[in-house]
């Protein structure tokens, strides 16, 4: 039998071909979704000069896979820290918001414009919070208010909205979503609690715990709201670049009425010791607004955070116009009423805030919700 000519023999595979074959085998073992997610990690984690970033659809897909638990813990951690280091693009945040809107809880106020707040889930540890009291006062006027939060969260592990409300007798953390909707309908206030109402997002917390840094998903806590329908979204921030990314991401996501606030510890609480830095975003165009408490006789040092029990006493006193939080509550409530277009001037809105405290409207609502 004559040997075949050399040209008819199959050539030896090159090292590159061998490597490619092995790569494809490993990807096949990962499975389609994890292999897809590995590609997305590569786009955000390839370094300053080679990282291409994600499209809006790709960012939504990445968040979908994480929320649905279809990636490994190693992949989730790699994605979150890579995105943290590179910083998210506004279009990526918009895609992640698309995913949160699809998978998260939904509350509605048909025919009524709501006021929705986004503050850091890792809470407060230096200054006494005001948002629970502001929310009660706003709701007592008939304005729908929607909040969201979770359990103590990395990196600060500060006091949470759920803990603060529970301290004054209103515990949202065990109410089903249907009960929250009924409370919103009848008393104009609700707070969704991530472990109960958004368990898909809670799935990311262990990875955040182990990373020890705020990943971009922490930005979603400031930009997302469970409310669907007409609303003014009030979003806290700390650094100016964060605010600019928020404007662009929210405009891309279709949020037409946005108020950004450089609040205490990244919250929406306006300070009383300095000017309050805010901006209104209307149809994609920001308008900077500086609010000076000194001009209205409300300048004061910030009240330090001490303990939940100390805050409870201060909060209950403030709701009847007494104690160290009463002045800051007037300032924040009046500013919210004015910025939400309820009054033509800030001074008139502050007068209304004082009148509401004198009438104890927020305290009456607290007593109703605490039953």
Protein backbone atom coordinates (compact mmCIF):
# COMPACT_ATOMS: atom_id res chain seq x y z
CA UNK A 1 0.00 0.00 0.00
CA UNK A 2 1.46 3.26 -1.07
CA UNK A 3 1.64 6.08 1.61
CA UNK A 4 -0.57 9.09 1.02
CA UNK A 5 1.11 12.16 -0.40
CA UNK A 6 2.16 14.67 2.29
CA UNK A 7 -0.27 17.27 0.96
CA UNK A 8 -3.18 14.94 1.73
CA UNK A 9 -2.25 14.53 5.39
CA UNK A 10 -4.01 16.59 8.04
CA UNK A 11 -1.50 19.21 9.24
CA UNK A 12 -0.52 19.29 12.90
CA UNK A 13 -2.58 21.90 14.77
CA UNK A 14 -0.78 25.09 15.63
CA UNK A 15 -0.35 26.18 19.27
CA UNK A 16 -2.88 28.94 18.65
CA UNK A 17 -5.43 26.46 17.36
CA UNK A 18 -4.87 24.19 20.34
CA UNK A 19 -5.36 27.12 22.71
CA UNK A 20 -8.55 28.19 20.93
CA UNK A 21 -9.95 24.68 21.09
CA UNK A 22 -9.25 24.51 24.82
CA UNK A 23 -10.86 27.94 25.34
CA UNK A 24 -14.01 26.83 23.56
CA UNK A 25 -14.13 23.66 25.65
CA UNK A 26 -13.93 25.68 28.87
CA UNK A 27 -16.64 28.05 27.67
CA UNK A 28 -18.83 25.07 26.85
CA UNK A 29 -18.36 23.78 30.39
CA UNK A 30 -19.37 27.17 31.81
CA UNK A 31 -22.68 27.08 30.00
CA UNK A 32 -24.18 29.69 27.73
CA UNK A 33 -25.18 32.28 30.33
CA UNK A 34 -21.95 32.18 32.33
CA UNK A 35 -19.94 32.25 29.11
CA UNK A 36 -21.93 35.31 28.04
CA UNK A 37 -21.33 36.97 31.41
CA UNK A 38 -17.61 36.30 31.09
CA UNK A 39 -17.61 38.35 27.89
CA UNK A 40 -19.34 41.21 29.72
CA UNK A 41 -16.74 41.08 32.51
CA UNK A 42 -14.06 41.40 29.86
CA UNK A 43 -15.67 44.54 28.45
CA UNK A 44 -15.63 46.37 31.80
CA UNK A 45 -12.45 44.84 33.23
CA UNK A 46 -9.92 45.08 30.42
CA UNK A 47 -8.18 48.23 31.59
CA UNK A 48 -8.24 51.91 30.77
CA UNK A 49 -7.13 51.58 27.16
CA UNK A 50 -8.90 48.39 26.08
CA UNK A 51 -12.16 48.47 28.04
CA UNK A 52 -15.03 49.16 25.65
CA UNK A 53 -17.80 49.53 28.19
CA UNK A 54 -21.27 48.08 27.83
CA UNK A 55 -24.19 49.11 25.72
CA UNK A 56 -27.47 49.74 27.48
CA UNK A 57 -28.75 46.30 26.44
CA UNK A 58 -25.55 44.61 27.63
CA UNK A 59 -25.71 46.37 31.01
CA UNK A 60 -29.33 45.29 31.39
CA UNK A 61 -28.37 41.71 30.46
CA UNK A 62 -25.54 41.72 33.02
CA UNK A 63 -27.84 42.92 35.79
CA UNK A 64 -30.54 40.45 34.72
CA UNK A 65 -28.09 37.55 35.04
CA UNK A 66 -26.96 38.69 38.50
CA UNK A 67 -30.48 39.28 39.80
CA UNK A 68 -31.61 35.90 38.50
CA UNK A 69 -28.69 34.09 40.15
CA UNK A 70 -27.39 32.74 36.86
CA UNK A 71 -23.73 33.65 37.39
CA UNK A 72 -21.21 32.31 39.88
CA UNK A 73 -20.20 34.21 43.00
CA UNK A 74 -16.72 34.64 41.50
CA UNK A 75 -18.14 36.17 38.34
CA UNK A 76 -20.45 38.48 40.25
CA UNK A 77 -17.63 39.74 42.46
CA UNK A 78 -15.33 40.21 39.47
CA UNK A 79 -17.93 42.22 37.60
CA UNK A 80 -18.86 44.43 40.53
CA UNK A 81 -15.30 45.33 41.51
CA UNK A 82 -14.17 45.82 37.89
CA UNK A 83 -17.09 48.16 37.31
CA UNK A 84 -16.32 49.96 40.56
CA UNK A 85 -12.71 50.61 39.52
CA UNK A 86 -13.56 51.76 36.01
CA UNK A 87 -16.70 53.72 37.08
CA UNK A 88 -20.00 53.11 35.29
CA UNK A 89 -21.04 55.05 32.23
CA UNK A 90 -24.45 56.75 32.29
CA UNK A 91 -25.68 54.44 29.54
CA UNK A 92 -24.66 51.45 31.67
CA UNK A 93 -26.55 52.79 34.68
CA UNK A 94 -29.59 53.29 32.45
CA UNK A 95 -29.39 49.64 31.39
CA UNK A 96 -29.11 48.48 34.99
CA UNK A 97 -32.13 50.63 35.84
CA UNK A 98 -34.05 48.85 33.08
CA UNK A 99 -33.30 45.55 34.84
CA UNK A 100 -34.28 46.86 38.29
CA UNK A 101 -37.56 48.12 36.88
CA UNK A 102 -38.29 44.73 35.36
CA UNK A 103 -37.45 42.63 38.42
CA UNK A 104 -38.21 44.96 41.35
CA UNK A 105 -41.44 45.63 43.24
CA UNK A 106 -43.98 48.10 41.90
CA UNK A 107 -46.16 50.64 43.73
CA UNK A 108 -48.57 52.96 41.97
CA UNK A 109 -50.54 56.13 42.67
CA UNK A 110 -52.93 56.43 39.71
CA UNK A 111 -53.82 60.02 38.99
CA UNK A 112 -51.54 61.36 41.73
CA UNK A 113 -47.98 62.65 41.41
CA UNK A 114 -45.71 61.00 43.98
CA UNK A 115 -42.55 62.19 45.65
CA UNK A 116 -39.95 59.40 45.53
CA UNK A 117 -36.67 59.40 47.45
CA UNK A 118 -33.44 57.52 46.75
CA UNK A 119 -30.85 57.44 49.56
CA UNK A 120 -27.88 55.15 50.30
CA UNK A 121 -28.84 51.78 51.74
CA UNK A 122 -25.75 51.73 53.95
CA UNK A 123 -27.44 54.34 56.11
CA UNK A 124 -26.26 57.09 58.41
CA UNK A 125 -23.64 57.12 61.14
CA UNK A 126 -22.64 60.75 61.79
CA UNK A 127 -25.73 62.96 61.62
CA UNK A 128 -29.32 62.47 62.81
CA UNK A 129 -31.59 61.51 59.85
CA UNK A 130 -34.64 63.57 58.93
CA UNK A 131 -36.16 61.75 55.95
CA UNK A 132 -38.61 59.56 57.94
CA UNK A 133 -40.01 62.70 59.59
CA UNK A 134 -40.12 64.67 56.34
CA UNK A 135 -41.91 61.76 54.67
CA UNK A 136 -44.53 61.61 57.43
CA UNK A 137 -45.14 65.35 57.22
CA UNK A 138 -45.44 65.32 53.42
CA UNK A 139 -47.79 62.34 53.49
CA UNK A 140 -49.94 64.08 56.09
CA UNK A 141 -50.70 66.76 53.47
CA UNK A 142 -52.00 64.10 51.06
CA UNK A 143 -48.87 63.99 48.90
CA UNK A 144 -47.90 60.36 48.06
CA UNK A 145 -44.38 59.53 49.27
CA UNK A 146 -42.51 56.36 48.24
CA UNK A 147 -39.28 55.23 49.91
CA UNK A 148 -37.14 52.11 49.67
CA UNK A 149 -34.31 50.62 51.72
CA UNK A 150 -32.86 47.45 53.19
CA UNK A 151 -31.10 45.88 56.14
CA UNK A 152 -27.74 47.25 57.40
CA UNK A 153 -25.53 47.28 54.33
CA UNK A 154 -21.85 47.53 53.47
CA UNK A 155 -19.79 49.61 53.53
CA UNK A 156 -21.00 51.85 56.35
CA UNK A 157 -23.55 49.58 58.07
CA UNK A 158 -25.25 52.72 59.37
CA UNK A 159 -28.79 53.05 60.67
CA UNK A 160 -31.39 52.30 57.99
CA UNK A 161 -34.75 53.77 57.05
CA UNK A 162 -36.46 50.58 58.20
CA UNK A 163 -34.83 50.80 61.63
CA UNK A 164 -35.68 54.49 61.98
CA UNK A 165 -39.36 54.04 61.13
CA UNK A 166 -39.57 51.03 63.47
CA UNK A 167 -38.11 53.13 66.29
CA UNK A 168 -41.10 55.49 66.08
CA UNK A 169 -43.57 52.61 65.87
CA UNK A 170 -43.95 52.10 62.10
CA UNK A 171 -42.43 48.83 60.92
CA UNK A 172 -42.61 48.36 57.16
CA UNK A 173 -40.15 45.47 57.08
CA UNK A 174 -42.67 42.62 57.42
CA UNK A 175 -45.63 43.98 55.45
CA UNK A 176 -46.45 42.29 52.13
CA UNK A 177 -46.37 44.47 49.04
CA UNK A 178 -50.17 44.39 48.80
CA UNK A 179 -50.40 45.91 52.28
CA UNK A 180 -47.87 48.58 51.34
CA UNK A 181 -50.00 49.49 48.34
CA UNK A 182 -53.11 49.77 50.53
CA UNK A 183 -51.23 52.00 52.98
CA UNK A 184 -50.00 54.16 50.12
CA UNK A 185 -53.56 54.44 48.80
CA UNK A 186 -55.09 55.36 52.16
CA UNK A 187 -52.29 57.18 54.01
CA UNK A 188 -50.03 58.31 51.14
CA UNK A 189 -46.82 56.67 52.44
CA UNK A 190 -44.93 53.42 51.86
CA UNK A 191 -41.43 52.00 52.17
CA UNK A 192 -40.33 48.84 50.35
CA UNK A 193 -37.81 46.66 52.19
CA UNK A 194 -35.31 44.93 49.91
CA UNK A 195 -34.98 41.56 51.74
CA UNK A 196 -38.75 41.03 51.58
CA UNK A 197 -39.89 42.94 48.52
CA UNK A 198 -36.84 42.67 46.21
CA UNK A 199 -35.05 39.41 47.11
CA UNK A 200 -33.38 39.29 43.70
CA UNK A 201 -31.38 42.44 44.56
CA UNK A 202 -30.71 41.09 48.06
CA UNK A 203 -28.83 38.25 46.33
CA UNK A 204 -26.01 40.72 45.57
CA UNK A 205 -25.43 41.75 49.18
CA UNK A 206 -23.02 38.93 50.18
CA UNK A 207 -20.75 39.81 47.25
CA UNK A 208 -20.89 43.48 48.24
CA UNK A 209 -20.01 42.46 51.79
CA UNK A 210 -16.93 40.56 50.66
CA UNK A 211 -15.77 43.24 48.22
CA UNK A 212 -15.82 45.91 50.92
CA UNK A 213 -16.30 48.80 48.46
CA UNK A 214 -19.44 50.35 47.01
CA UNK A 215 -20.02 48.81 43.56
CA UNK A 216 -22.00 50.64 40.87
CA UNK A 217 -25.13 48.78 41.93
CA UNK A 218 -25.08 51.07 45.00
CA UNK A 219 -25.81 53.92 42.59
CA UNK A 220 -29.08 52.24 41.67
CA UNK A 221 -30.28 52.77 45.23
CA UNK A 222 -30.17 56.50 44.49
CA UNK A 223 -31.62 56.35 40.97
CA UNK A 224 -34.27 53.62 41.13
CA UNK A 225 -37.74 53.85 42.62
CA UNK A 226 -40.40 51.14 42.97
CA UNK A 227 -43.00 53.73 42.01
CA UNK A 228 -44.53 53.58 38.54
CA UNK A 229 -46.30 56.61 37.21
CA UNK A 230 -45.93 60.36 37.47
CA UNK A 231 -43.44 61.38 40.16
CA UNK A 232 -40.64 63.68 41.21
CA UNK A 233 -37.54 61.60 41.95
CA UNK A 234 -35.35 63.06 44.72
CA UNK A 235 -31.85 61.56 44.62
CA UNK A 236 -29.01 62.11 47.08
CA UNK A 237 -25.35 62.40 46.06
CA UNK A 238 -21.93 63.19 47.53
CA UNK A 239 -19.51 63.95 44.68
CA UNK A 240 -20.21 66.20 41.66
CA UNK A 241 -19.22 63.50 39.10
CA UNK A 242 -21.82 61.22 40.69
CA UNK A 243 -24.48 63.87 40.22
CA UNK A 244 -23.60 64.41 36.56
CA UNK A 245 -23.73 60.66 35.84
CA UNK A 246 -27.09 60.53 37.62
CA UNK A 247 -28.52 63.31 35.44
CA UNK A 248 -27.44 61.59 32.24
CA UNK A 249 -28.51 58.11 33.32
CA UNK A 250 -31.93 59.26 34.52
CA UNK A 251 -32.54 61.32 31.39
CA UNK A 252 -31.70 58.26 29.27
CA UNK A 253 -34.02 56.15 31.43
CA UNK A 254 -36.93 58.51 30.82
CA UNK A 255 -37.06 60.23 34.22
CA UNK A 256 -38.27 63.70 33.31
CA UNK A 257 -38.65 65.21 36.81
CA UNK A 258 -35.55 64.81 39.00
CA UNK A 259 -34.19 66.68 42.00
CA UNK A 260 -30.60 65.95 43.04
CA UNK A 261 -29.50 66.92 46.55
CA UNK A 262 -26.01 67.09 48.03
CA UNK A 263 -27.40 65.98 51.36
CA UNK A 264 -25.94 64.85 54.65
CA UNK A 265 -23.92 61.64 54.18
CA UNK A 266 -25.20 61.27 50.63
CA UNK A 267 -28.85 61.43 51.72
CA UNK A 268 -31.54 63.88 50.64
CA UNK A 269 -31.43 65.71 54.01
CA UNK A 270 -30.52 69.35 53.47
CA UNK A 271 -27.91 70.62 55.96
CA UNK A 272 -28.59 73.55 58.27
CA UNK A 273 -24.91 74.38 58.87
CA UNK A 274 -24.22 75.37 55.26
CA UNK A 275 -25.93 76.07 51.97
CA UNK A 276 -27.97 73.26 50.50
CA UNK A 277 -26.80 72.33 47.01
CA UNK A 278 -29.59 71.05 44.78
CA UNK A 279 -30.49 70.89 41.10
CA UNK A 280 -33.77 70.37 39.27
CA UNK A 281 -33.64 68.30 36.11
CA UNK A 282 -36.50 69.16 33.78
CA UNK A 283 -36.64 67.46 30.40
CA UNK A 284 -32.93 66.65 30.62
CA UNK A 285 -31.69 70.14 31.51
CA UNK A 286 -30.35 70.76 35.08
CA UNK A 287 -31.00 74.01 36.94
CA UNK A 288 -28.75 74.59 39.96
CA UNK A 289 -30.48 75.84 43.13
CA UNK A 290 -28.62 76.91 46.28
CA UNK A 291 -30.68 77.09 49.46
CA UNK A 292 -29.34 79.14 52.39
CA UNK A 293 -30.83 78.31 55.81
CA UNK A 294 -29.27 81.44 57.29
CA UNK A 295 -31.48 83.59 55.06
CA UNK A 296 -34.53 82.10 56.79
CA UNK A 297 -33.34 82.07 60.39
CA UNK A 298 -32.73 78.30 60.33
CA UNK A 299 -28.93 78.11 60.43
CA UNK A 300 -27.71 75.62 63.05
CA UNK A 301 -25.09 72.96 63.62
CA UNK A 302 -26.08 69.50 62.48
CA UNK A 303 -27.49 67.24 65.17
CA UNK A 304 -25.05 64.35 65.67
CA UNK A 305 -26.17 60.73 65.48
CA UNK A 306 -25.89 59.08 68.89
CA UNK A 307 -28.19 56.06 69.14
CA UNK A 308 -31.51 54.77 67.92
CA UNK A 309 -33.16 55.46 71.28
CA UNK A 310 -31.80 59.02 71.39
CA UNK A 311 -33.02 59.62 67.85
CA UNK A 312 -36.47 58.24 68.72
CA UNK A 313 -36.85 60.82 71.46
CA UNK A 314 -35.61 63.61 69.19
CA UNK A 315 -37.89 62.48 66.35
CA UNK A 316 -41.05 62.34 68.45
CA UNK A 317 -40.26 65.78 69.85
CA UNK A 318 -39.62 67.20 66.37
CA UNK A 319 -43.01 66.00 65.11
CA UNK A 320 -44.65 68.34 67.62
CA UNK A 321 -42.24 71.19 66.91
CA UNK A 322 -39.82 70.67 69.78
CA UNK A 323 -36.20 69.63 70.32
CA UNK A 324 -33.02 69.89 68.23
CA UNK A 325 -34.54 68.33 65.07
CA UNK A 326 -37.53 70.70 64.89
CA UNK A 327 -35.68 73.48 63.05
CA UNK A 328 -33.99 71.13 60.55
CA UNK A 329 -37.37 69.46 59.97
CA UNK A 330 -38.99 72.83 59.16
CA UNK A 331 -36.11 73.59 56.76
CA UNK A 332 -36.30 70.26 54.95
CA UNK A 333 -40.09 70.07 54.85
CA UNK A 334 -40.45 73.61 53.56
CA UNK A 335 -37.77 73.06 50.91
CA UNK A 336 -39.48 69.85 49.74
CA UNK A 337 -42.86 71.54 49.50
CA UNK A 338 -41.38 74.37 47.46
CA UNK A 339 -39.20 72.19 45.21
CA UNK A 340 -42.19 69.91 44.58
CA UNK A 341 -44.06 72.94 43.18
CA UNK A 342 -46.58 73.11 46.03
CA UNK A 343 -45.80 76.78 46.77
CA UNK A 344 -44.56 79.69 44.71
CA UNK A 345 -41.92 80.81 47.21
CA UNK A 346 -39.65 79.08 49.68
CA UNK A 347 -40.69 81.49 52.43
CA UNK A 348 -44.37 80.60 52.00
CA UNK A 349 -43.50 76.89 52.01
CA UNK A 350 -41.55 77.32 55.25
CA UNK A 351 -44.54 79.06 56.83
CA UNK A 352 -46.68 76.08 55.84
CA UNK A 353 -44.09 73.68 57.31
CA UNK A 354 -44.28 75.52 60.65
CA UNK A 355 -48.09 75.42 60.53
CA UNK A 356 -48.11 71.67 59.87
CA UNK A 357 -45.84 71.05 62.84
CA UNK A 358 -47.99 73.26 65.05
CA UNK A 359 -51.06 71.27 63.97
CA UNK A 360 -49.20 68.00 64.74
CA UNK A 361 -50.34 66.53 61.45
CA UNK A 362 -47.28 64.32 61.10
CA UNK A 363 -47.63 63.03 64.66
CA UNK A 364 -51.28 62.13 64.04
CA UNK A 365 -50.31 60.17 60.94
CA UNK A 366 -47.54 58.42 62.86
CA UNK A 367 -50.05 57.30 65.47
CA UNK A 368 -52.36 55.92 62.78
CA UNK A 369 -49.56 53.99 61.04
CA UNK A 370 -48.15 52.72 64.34
CA UNK A 371 -51.36 50.85 65.22
